[in-house]
Amino acid sequence: MTTLQDFSATSIDGQEIDLADYRGQVVLVVNTASQCGFTPQFEGLQALHDSYGDRGFTVLGFPCDQFGHQDPGSDAEISGFCQKNYGVSFPMFSKIEVNGDGAHPLYQWLRKEKGGVLGNNIKWNFTKFLIGKDGTVLGRYGSTTKPEKIRSDIEKALA
């Protein structure tokens, strides 16, 4: 059975990260964008990370420029924007594609595990996937679902 731990990704500062490093943690995987109407969700994502980080929870942010060209910057520009404007301290990764032939393998798997409104495709920025301690996908939340609305599901997964 495939789990989150079977993937790796490049951090926003260019380091290859084995997602097995998150084994035993509850993880929220989010495709982000710096110039989107949902960009203020960075604040809520950081609040979740701050609230539950010491209990084995983390947010993993994956910038994506596939929706309305809303994250056109370089990795360094994206990183600076997120830190300066939202105090983001959770792990951010290098910009990826989440749909199509060039989709990152992690997102190919996530889409297959939990379909959404558009079948398996990601509809827009800030689609969120909740991953359990065992590395399996527990839930998928659309762009309009604010991070604070996921708190009870995170708490259940941490219990």
Protein backbone atom coordinates (compact mmCIF):
# COMPACT_ATOMS: atom_id res chain seq x y z
CA MET A 1 0.00 0.00 0.00
CA THR A 2 1.33 3.44 -0.95
CA THR A 3 1.59 6.10 1.78
CA LEU A 4 2.97 9.62 2.18
CA GLN A 5 6.25 8.05 3.33
CA ASP A 6 6.86 6.63 -0.17
CA PHE A 7 7.50 10.09 -1.65
CA SER A 8 10.14 12.75 -1.60
CA ALA A 9 10.06 16.39 -2.64
CA THR A 10 12.44 19.30 -3.01
CA SER A 11 12.24 21.91 -0.26
CA ILE A 12 11.83 25.54 -1.23
CA ASP A 13 15.55 26.03 -0.51
CA GLY A 14 16.57 23.16 -2.79
CA GLN A 15 17.08 20.25 -0.37
CA GLU A 16 15.67 16.82 -1.24
CA ILE A 17 13.29 15.84 1.59
CA ASP A 18 12.21 12.26 2.21
CA LEU A 19 8.57 12.48 3.29
CA ALA A 20 9.21 9.38 5.43
CA ASP A 21 10.62 12.00 7.84
CA TYR A 22 6.95 12.67 8.69
CA ARG A 23 6.19 9.05 9.63
CA GLY A 24 3.92 8.95 12.68
CA GLN A 25 2.78 12.55 12.25
CA VAL A 26 -0.52 13.99 11.08
CA VAL A 27 0.16 16.13 8.00
CA LEU A 28 -1.88 18.64 6.03
CA VAL A 29 -0.63 18.87 2.41
CA VAL A 30 -1.69 22.09 0.65
CA ASN A 31 -1.07 23.49 -2.84
CA THR A 32 -0.46 27.19 -2.26
CA ALA A 33 -0.25 30.40 -4.28
CA SER A 34 1.00 33.86 -3.32
CA GLN A 35 -1.39 35.96 -5.45
CA CYS A 36 -4.71 34.18 -4.94
CA GLY A 37 -7.91 35.26 -3.25
CA PHE A 38 -7.30 32.37 -0.84
CA THR A 39 -3.70 33.45 -0.04
CA PRO A 40 -4.78 34.79 3.41
CA GLN A 41 -5.32 31.11 4.35
CA PHE A 42 -1.56 31.05 5.01
CA GLU A 43 -2.46 32.73 8.30
CA GLY A 44 -4.87 29.94 9.26
CA LEU A 45 -2.45 27.23 8.12
CA GLN A 46 0.29 28.75 10.28
CA ALA A 47 -2.14 28.91 13.22
CA LEU A 48 -2.85 25.16 12.84
CA HIS A 49 0.88 24.46 12.63
CA ASP A 50 1.47 26.52 15.79
CA SER A 51 -1.46 24.96 17.68
CA TYR A 52 -0.70 21.31 16.97
CA GLY A 53 2.98 21.21 16.03
CA ASP A 54 4.06 20.00 19.46
CA ARG A 55 1.52 17.15 19.22
CA GLY A 56 2.94 15.70 16.00
CA PHE A 57 1.19 17.77 13.33
CA THR A 58 2.65 19.74 10.44
CA VAL A 59 1.54 21.57 7.32
CA LEU A 60 3.43 20.97 4.08
CA GLY A 61 3.03 23.75 1.52
CA PHE A 62 3.51 23.12 -2.20
CA PRO A 63 3.44 26.31 -4.31
CA CYS A 64 1.75 25.84 -7.67
CA ASP A 65 1.34 28.23 -10.60
CA GLN A 66 -1.22 26.18 -12.56
CA PHE A 67 -4.30 28.17 -11.55
CA GLY A 68 -4.60 31.67 -13.00
CA HIS A 69 -0.78 32.15 -12.94
CA GLN A 70 -1.14 33.13 -9.27
CA ASP A 71 2.32 32.06 -8.10
CA PRO A 72 4.67 33.31 -10.84
CA GLY A 73 7.66 34.04 -8.57
CA SER A 74 10.82 32.04 -7.99
CA ASP A 75 11.09 29.73 -4.98
CA ALA A 76 13.14 32.40 -3.17
CA GLU A 77 10.48 35.06 -3.89
CA ILE A 78 7.68 32.74 -2.72
CA SER A 79 9.56 31.84 0.45
CA GLY A 80 10.25 35.50 1.25
CA PHE A 81 6.62 36.46 0.61
CA CYS A 82 5.26 33.71 2.87
CA GLN A 83 7.63 34.52 5.73
CA LYS A 84 7.29 38.30 5.49
CA ASN A 85 3.51 38.49 5.05
CA TYR A 86 2.29 35.47 7.02
CA GLY A 87 5.16 34.37 9.26
CA VAL A 88 5.13 30.94 7.64
CA SER A 89 7.43 28.56 9.50
CA PHE A 90 5.95 25.26 8.34
CA PRO A 91 7.85 23.40 5.58
CA MET A 92 7.44 24.85 2.11
CA PHE A 93 8.53 23.03 -1.02
CA SER A 94 9.73 23.96 -4.47
CA LYS A 95 7.01 24.97 -6.94
CA ILE A 96 5.31 21.96 -8.54
CA GLU A 97 2.44 21.04 -10.83
CA VAL A 98 -0.53 19.27 -9.25
CA ASN A 99 -2.51 18.38 -12.40
CA GLY A 100 -1.61 17.04 -15.83
CA ASP A 101 1.24 14.96 -17.18
CA GLY A 102 3.82 16.97 -15.22
CA ALA A 103 2.09 16.56 -11.85
CA HIS A 104 4.39 15.74 -8.96
CA PRO A 105 4.12 12.02 -8.02
CA LEU A 106 2.84 12.99 -4.55
CA TYR A 107 -0.09 14.80 -6.15
CA GLN A 108 -0.75 11.99 -8.61
CA TRP A 109 -1.16 9.74 -5.57
CA LEU A 110 -3.22 12.24 -3.52
CA ARG A 111 -5.65 12.80 -6.41
CA LYS A 112 -6.05 9.06 -6.90
CA GLU A 113 -6.66 8.48 -3.17
CA LYS A 114 -9.33 11.18 -2.75
CA GLY A 115 -11.20 12.53 -5.72
CA GLY A 116 -12.87 15.92 -5.62
CA VAL A 117 -15.47 17.98 -7.42
CA LEU A 118 -13.58 17.64 -10.71
CA GLY A 119 -12.96 13.92 -10.32
CA ASN A 120 -9.30 13.38 -9.61
CA ASN A 121 -8.04 16.82 -10.61
CA ILE A 122 -7.25 19.63 -8.22
CA LYS A 123 -9.78 22.41 -8.82
CA TRP A 124 -7.82 25.41 -7.49
CA ASN A 125 -5.17 26.71 -5.09
CA PHE A 126 -5.36 25.79 -1.40
CA THR A 127 -6.86 22.33 -1.84
CA LYS A 128 -5.93 20.47 1.34
CA PHE A 129 -5.28 16.79 2.07
CA LEU A 130 -5.22 15.49 5.65
CA ILE A 131 -2.81 12.58 6.10
CA GLY A 132 -3.01 10.29 9.14
CA LYS A 133 -0.16 9.02 11.32
CA ASP A 134 -0.03 5.88 9.16
CA GLY A 135 0.57 7.97 6.01
CA THR A 136 -2.86 7.37 4.46
CA VAL A 137 -5.18 10.10 3.18
CA LEU A 138 -7.97 10.80 5.67
CA GLY A 139 -9.69 13.69 3.91
CA ARG A 140 -9.70 16.23 1.11
CA TYR A 141 -10.90 19.82 1.53
CA GLY A 142 -11.55 22.36 -1.19
CA SER A 143 -10.13 25.84 -1.53
CA THR A 144 -13.09 27.45 0.21
CA THR A 145 -12.62 25.33 3.36
CA LYS A 146 -10.81 27.59 5.78
CA PRO A 147 -8.02 25.93 7.77
CA GLU A 148 -9.81 26.46 11.10
CA LYS A 149 -12.73 24.33 9.83
CA ILE A 150 -10.37 21.32 9.74
CA ARG A 151 -9.40 21.55 13.44
CA SER A 152 -11.78 18.83 14.64
CA ASP A 153 -10.54 16.39 11.97
CA ILE A 154 -6.93 17.16 12.95
CA GLU A 155 -7.73 16.60 16.62
CA LYS A 156 -9.36 13.24 15.81
CA ALA A 157 -6.34 12.19 13.76
CA LEU A 158 -3.98 13.18 16.58
CA ALA A 159 -5.99 11.33 19.25
